[in-house]
Structure formats: structure tokens, C-alpha cells
Amino acid sequence: MNKLLSGLLLSSLLSFAWAQTPKIFQDADLKLGEKLIAENKCTECHASKVVGDGSAIYKPKGRVNAPGVLRGMVEQCNTELNMGLFPEEVTAIAAVLNRDYYRFK
């Protein structure tokens, strides 16, 4: 495959992925979100509230039914736990949760 064709293919795939991401998460830093989830022990906290590995707390068909609501729930954790996250950090965490569990488009 020549460089032009492979470049066009990559560009098309990235455009498709970008179009499938909710607007609220399009500029989110996923690596930052992953880092913050690990540093703040989000998984461990959630596991203490539900059975298993904690992922059962993420219910795509539950009350979190839109990207903005998901971001709001992360902001709620930030506020209740006095985490001191900046808005872009809250968005980054919510974007990772969307990618891994909710898959809003």
C-alpha cells in the first residue's frame, strides 16, 4: 500500500472515530483521564460500593443516559470527595468512562 493510500485510510478512520465521539468529549485527553482514574483509585472506591470489580456501578441503561449526565456524575464525585479536579480533568475521566463503559455517540 502506498503512503498516500495508507494516509487517506488513517485519516478516514480518525474522522469516523471523531464523529462517533460525543461533542462534549471530543477534545478530552484520554491518557490524562486514565491516569487520574488510577491515581484517585476510582476503581477501588467503586468496587467497595458494588460487588465484583466495581464496573457494575456503570450502568449505560440506568440513570446515566447521556454524555452530559455522565460528566455530571464524575463532577459529583469530584465535589463530594473534595478531589479538586479541574473541569478538563473531569471531562477526561468522563471520556474514558464513556469509551470503556457507556459508548454514547
N, C-alpha and C. Protein backbone atom coordinates (compact mmCIF):
# COMPACT_ATOMS: atom_id res chain seq x y z
N MET A 1 0.85 -1.16 0.00
CA MET A 1 0.00 0.00 0.00
C MET A 1 0.91 1.24 0.00
N ASN A 2 0.62 2.16 -0.87
CA ASN A 2 1.47 3.35 -0.92
C ASN A 2 1.15 4.31 0.22
N LYS A 3 2.04 5.28 0.42
CA LYS A 3 1.89 6.20 1.56
C LYS A 3 0.63 7.05 1.45
N LEU A 4 0.28 7.47 0.25
CA LEU A 4 -0.91 8.31 0.08
C LEU A 4 -2.16 7.53 0.46
N LEU A 5 -2.27 6.31 -0.03
CA LEU A 5 -3.44 5.48 0.27
C LEU A 5 -3.52 5.17 1.77
N SER A 6 -2.40 4.80 2.38
CA SER A 6 -2.43 4.50 3.81
C SER A 6 -2.74 5.76 4.62
N GLY A 7 -2.26 6.92 4.18
CA GLY A 7 -2.58 8.17 4.86
C GLY A 7 -4.06 8.50 4.76
N LEU A 8 -4.66 8.27 3.59
CA LEU A 8 -6.09 8.51 3.42
C LEU A 8 -6.91 7.56 4.28
N LEU A 9 -6.49 6.32 4.35
CA LEU A 9 -7.19 5.33 5.16
C LEU A 9 -7.14 5.72 6.64
N LEU A 10 -5.97 6.11 7.12
CA LEU A 10 -5.83 6.54 8.50
C LEU A 10 -6.68 7.77 8.78
N SER A 11 -6.66 8.71 7.87
CA SER A 11 -7.46 9.92 8.02
C SER A 11 -8.95 9.60 8.08
N SER A 12 -9.40 8.67 7.25
CA SER A 12 -10.81 8.27 7.26
C SER A 12 -11.19 7.60 8.57
N LEU A 13 -10.33 6.74 9.07
CA LEU A 13 -10.60 6.06 10.34
C LEU A 13 -10.66 7.05 11.49
N LEU A 14 -9.74 8.00 11.52
CA LEU A 14 -9.74 9.01 12.58
C LEU A 14 -10.98 9.89 12.49
N SER A 15 -11.39 10.25 11.28
CA SER A 15 -12.60 11.05 11.11
C SER A 15 -13.83 10.30 11.60
N PHE A 16 -13.88 8.99 11.30
CA PHE A 16 -15.01 8.17 11.74
C PHE A 16 -15.04 8.10 13.27
N ALA A 17 -13.89 7.87 13.88
CA ALA A 17 -13.82 7.78 15.35
C ALA A 17 -14.21 9.11 15.97
N TRP A 18 -13.75 10.22 15.40
CA TRP A 18 -14.07 11.53 15.93
C TRP A 18 -15.57 11.79 15.83
N ALA A 19 -16.19 11.40 14.73
CA ALA A 19 -17.62 11.61 14.54
C ALA A 19 -18.45 10.76 15.50
N GLN A 20 -17.90 9.65 15.98
CA GLN A 20 -18.61 8.76 16.88
C GLN A 20 -18.47 9.19 18.34
N THR A 21 -17.64 10.16 18.62
CA THR A 21 -17.42 10.64 19.97
C THR A 21 -18.37 11.81 20.26
N PRO A 22 -19.05 11.78 21.41
CA PRO A 22 -19.91 12.91 21.74
C PRO A 22 -19.11 14.22 21.76
N LYS A 23 -19.72 15.28 21.32
CA LYS A 23 -19.04 16.57 21.24
C LYS A 23 -18.39 16.96 22.56
N ILE A 24 -19.04 16.70 23.67
CA ILE A 24 -18.51 17.07 24.98
C ILE A 24 -17.17 16.40 25.29
N PHE A 25 -16.88 15.26 24.64
CA PHE A 25 -15.65 14.51 24.90
C PHE A 25 -14.63 14.59 23.77
N GLN A 26 -14.92 15.31 22.70
CA GLN A 26 -14.04 15.28 21.53
C GLN A 26 -12.64 15.81 21.78
N ASP A 27 -12.48 16.76 22.67
CA ASP A 27 -11.15 17.30 22.95
C ASP A 27 -10.54 16.75 24.24
N ALA A 28 -11.18 15.74 24.80
CA ALA A 28 -10.72 15.19 26.08
C ALA A 28 -9.39 14.46 25.92
N ASP A 29 -8.58 14.57 26.94
CA ASP A 29 -7.29 13.89 27.00
C ASP A 29 -7.49 12.53 27.68
N LEU A 30 -7.62 11.49 26.86
CA LEU A 30 -7.90 10.15 27.38
C LEU A 30 -6.77 9.61 28.26
N LYS A 31 -5.54 9.90 27.89
CA LYS A 31 -4.40 9.45 28.71
C LYS A 31 -4.45 10.09 30.10
N LEU A 32 -4.80 11.37 30.14
CA LEU A 32 -4.95 12.06 31.41
C LEU A 32 -6.08 11.43 32.22
N GLY A 33 -7.20 11.14 31.57
CA GLY A 33 -8.32 10.51 32.26
C GLY A 33 -7.94 9.17 32.86
N GLU A 34 -7.22 8.36 32.09
CA GLU A 34 -6.77 7.05 32.59
C GLU A 34 -5.86 7.23 33.81
N LYS A 35 -4.94 8.20 33.72
CA LYS A 35 -4.01 8.47 34.81
C LYS A 35 -4.76 8.91 36.07
N LEU A 36 -5.73 9.80 35.90
CA LEU A 36 -6.49 10.31 37.05
C LEU A 36 -7.34 9.22 37.69
N ILE A 37 -7.91 8.35 36.88
CA ILE A 37 -8.70 7.24 37.42
C ILE A 37 -7.81 6.36 38.30
N ALA A 38 -6.61 6.09 37.83
CA ALA A 38 -5.67 5.26 38.59
C ALA A 38 -5.19 5.98 39.85
N GLU A 39 -4.77 7.23 39.71
CA GLU A 39 -4.23 7.99 40.84
C GLU A 39 -5.26 8.20 41.96
N ASN A 40 -6.51 8.41 41.56
CA ASN A 40 -7.56 8.68 42.54
C ASN A 40 -8.27 7.43 43.02
N LYS A 41 -7.80 6.28 42.53
CA LYS A 41 -8.33 4.98 42.96
C LYS A 41 -9.84 4.88 42.78
N CYS A 42 -10.31 5.39 41.64
CA CYS A 42 -11.75 5.36 41.34
C CYS A 42 -12.27 3.92 41.30
N THR A 43 -11.52 3.03 40.69
CA THR A 43 -11.95 1.65 40.57
C THR A 43 -12.11 1.01 41.94
N GLU A 44 -11.15 1.24 42.82
CA GLU A 44 -11.21 0.66 44.16
C GLU A 44 -12.40 1.21 44.94
N CYS A 45 -12.65 2.50 44.82
CA CYS A 45 -13.79 3.12 45.51
C CYS A 45 -15.10 2.52 45.01
N HIS A 46 -15.22 2.40 43.69
CA HIS A 46 -16.45 1.84 43.13
C HIS A 46 -16.61 0.37 43.51
N ALA A 47 -15.51 -0.37 43.55
CA ALA A 47 -15.58 -1.78 43.93
C ALA A 47 -16.07 -1.94 45.36
N SER A 48 -15.79 -0.96 46.20
CA SER A 48 -16.25 -1.04 47.59
C SER A 48 -17.75 -0.79 47.71
N LYS A 49 -18.35 -0.23 46.68
CA LYS A 49 -19.77 0.11 46.70
C LYS A 49 -20.66 -0.94 46.02
N VAL A 50 -20.08 -1.74 45.13
CA VAL A 50 -20.83 -2.78 44.41
C VAL A 50 -20.03 -4.07 44.41
N VAL A 51 -20.66 -5.15 44.08
CA VAL A 51 -19.96 -6.44 44.05
C VAL A 51 -18.99 -6.51 42.87
N GLY A 52 -18.02 -7.37 42.98
CA GLY A 52 -17.09 -7.62 41.88
C GLY A 52 -16.01 -6.57 41.75
N ASP A 53 -15.68 -6.25 40.51
CA ASP A 53 -14.56 -5.35 40.24
C ASP A 53 -14.94 -3.87 40.24
N GLY A 54 -16.18 -3.55 40.53
CA GLY A 54 -16.62 -2.16 40.57
C GLY A 54 -17.27 -1.68 39.30
N SER A 55 -17.11 -2.41 38.22
CA SER A 55 -17.67 -1.96 36.94
C SER A 55 -19.19 -2.04 36.91
N ALA A 56 -19.79 -2.78 37.82
CA ALA A 56 -21.26 -2.88 37.86
C ALA A 56 -21.91 -1.54 38.18
N ILE A 57 -21.14 -0.62 38.71
CA ILE A 57 -21.69 0.71 39.02
C ILE A 57 -21.98 1.49 37.73
N TYR A 58 -21.30 1.11 36.64
CA TYR A 58 -21.52 1.78 35.36
C TYR A 58 -22.66 1.08 34.63
N LYS A 59 -23.80 1.73 34.60
CA LYS A 59 -24.99 1.13 34.00
C LYS A 59 -25.46 1.99 32.84
N PRO A 60 -25.01 1.68 31.62
CA PRO A 60 -25.38 2.50 30.47
C PRO A 60 -26.88 2.68 30.27
N LYS A 61 -27.69 1.77 30.75
CA LYS A 61 -29.13 1.89 30.57
C LYS A 61 -29.81 2.41 31.84
N GLY A 62 -29.02 2.85 32.81
CA GLY A 62 -29.56 3.37 34.07
C GLY A 62 -29.82 4.86 33.99
N ARG A 63 -29.64 5.54 35.12
CA ARG A 63 -29.94 6.97 35.15
C ARG A 63 -28.90 7.81 34.41
N VAL A 64 -27.72 7.28 34.20
CA VAL A 64 -26.73 7.96 33.38
C VAL A 64 -27.03 7.58 31.94
N ASN A 65 -27.76 8.46 31.25
CA ASN A 65 -28.28 8.11 29.92
C ASN A 65 -27.89 9.10 28.83
N ALA A 66 -26.91 9.94 29.12
CA ALA A 66 -26.44 10.91 28.12
C ALA A 66 -25.03 11.37 28.51
N PRO A 67 -24.24 11.82 27.54
CA PRO A 67 -22.88 12.24 27.84
C PRO A 67 -22.78 13.33 28.91
N GLY A 68 -23.66 14.30 28.88
CA GLY A 68 -23.63 15.37 29.88
C GLY A 68 -23.94 14.88 31.28
N VAL A 69 -24.83 13.91 31.37
CA VAL A 69 -25.16 13.32 32.67
C VAL A 69 -23.96 12.55 33.21
N LEU A 70 -23.27 11.83 32.34
CA LEU A 70 -22.06 11.11 32.73
C LEU A 70 -21.01 12.08 33.28
N ARG A 71 -20.77 13.16 32.58
CA ARG A 71 -19.81 14.15 33.05
C ARG A 71 -20.26 14.73 34.39
N GLY A 72 -21.56 14.95 34.53
CA GLY A 72 -22.10 15.46 35.78
C GLY A 72 -21.89 14.51 36.95
N MET A 73 -21.99 13.21 36.69
CA MET A 73 -21.76 12.23 37.76
C MET A 73 -20.29 12.24 38.20
N VAL A 74 -19.38 12.40 37.24
CA VAL A 74 -17.96 12.50 37.60
C VAL A 74 -17.73 13.78 38.40
N GLU A 75 -18.39 14.86 38.00
CA GLU A 75 -18.27 16.12 38.76
C GLU A 75 -18.82 15.95 40.17
N GLN A 76 -19.88 15.16 40.30
CA GLN A 76 -20.45 14.90 41.63
C GLN A 76 -19.42 14.19 42.52
N CYS A 77 -18.74 13.19 41.99
CA CYS A 77 -17.67 12.52 42.75
C CYS A 77 -16.59 13.54 43.13
N ASN A 78 -16.20 14.37 42.17
CA ASN A 78 -15.18 15.39 42.40
C ASN A 78 -15.57 16.29 43.57
N THR A 79 -16.83 16.72 43.58
CA THR A 79 -17.31 17.63 44.63
C THR A 79 -17.45 16.92 45.97
N GLU A 80 -18.14 15.77 45.96
CA GLU A 80 -18.40 15.05 47.22
C GLU A 80 -17.12 14.57 47.90
N LEU A 81 -16.15 14.17 47.11
CA LEU A 81 -14.91 13.65 47.66
C LEU A 81 -13.82 14.72 47.79
N ASN A 82 -14.18 15.96 47.44
CA ASN A 82 -13.26 17.09 47.52
C ASN A 82 -11.94 16.77 46.81
N MET A 83 -12.04 16.29 45.57
CA MET A 83 -10.87 15.86 44.81
C MET A 83 -10.08 17.02 44.22
N GLY A 84 -10.72 18.14 44.00
CA GLY A 84 -10.03 19.31 43.47
C GLY A 84 -9.66 19.20 42.00
N LEU A 85 -10.45 18.44 41.24
CA LEU A 85 -10.16 18.29 39.81
C LEU A 85 -10.60 19.53 39.04
N PHE A 86 -9.85 19.88 38.03
CA PHE A 86 -10.20 20.96 37.12
C PHE A 86 -11.25 20.45 36.13
N PRO A 87 -12.02 21.35 35.51
CA PRO A 87 -13.06 20.92 34.57
C PRO A 87 -12.55 20.01 33.46
N GLU A 88 -11.37 20.30 32.91
CA GLU A 88 -10.85 19.46 31.83
C GLU A 88 -10.46 18.06 32.35
N GLU A 89 -10.12 17.96 33.62
CA GLU A 89 -9.80 16.66 34.21
C GLU A 89 -11.08 15.84 34.42
N VAL A 90 -12.14 16.49 34.85
CA VAL A 90 -13.44 15.82 34.99
C VAL A 90 -13.89 15.29 33.63
N THR A 91 -13.74 16.13 32.62
CA THR A 91 -14.13 15.72 31.26
C THR A 91 -13.28 14.56 30.78
N ALA A 92 -11.99 14.58 31.09
CA ALA A 92 -11.09 13.49 30.67
C ALA A 92 -11.51 12.16 31.31
N ILE A 93 -11.84 12.19 32.59
CA ILE A 93 -12.29 10.97 33.27
C ILE A 93 -13.59 10.48 32.66
N ALA A 94 -14.54 11.39 32.45
CA ALA A 94 -15.83 11.01 31.87
C ALA A 94 -15.65 10.44 30.46
N ALA A 95 -14.72 10.99 29.71
CA ALA A 95 -14.48 10.49 28.34
C ALA A 95 -13.96 9.06 28.37
N VAL A 96 -13.09 8.75 29.33
CA VAL A 96 -12.58 7.38 29.47
C VAL A 96 -13.73 6.44 29.85
N LEU A 97 -14.56 6.86 30.79
CA LEU A 97 -15.70 6.04 31.19
C LEU A 97 -16.65 5.83 30.01
N ASN A 98 -16.83 6.86 29.21
CA ASN A 98 -17.67 6.72 28.02
C ASN A 98 -17.07 5.71 27.05
N ARG A 99 -15.78 5.83 26.83
CA ARG A 99 -15.10 4.91 25.91
C ARG A 99 -15.18 3.46 26.39
N ASP A 100 -14.99 3.26 27.69
CA ASP A 100 -14.88 1.91 28.22
C ASP A 100 -16.22 1.27 28.62
N TYR A 101 -17.21 2.08 28.98
CA TYR A 101 -18.45 1.50 29.51
C TYR A 101 -19.72 1.99 28.80
N TYR A 102 -19.85 3.29 28.63
CA TYR A 102 -21.14 3.83 28.18
C TYR A 102 -21.30 3.86 26.66
N ARG A 103 -20.27 4.27 25.96
CA ARG A 103 -20.25 4.31 24.49
C ARG A 103 -21.35 5.19 23.89
N PHE A 104 -21.57 6.36 24.52
CA PHE A 104 -22.51 7.32 23.93
C PHE A 104 -21.90 7.84 22.63
N LYS A 105 -22.75 8.13 21.67
CA LYS A 105 -22.28 8.66 20.37
C LYS A 105 -22.81 10.04 20.15
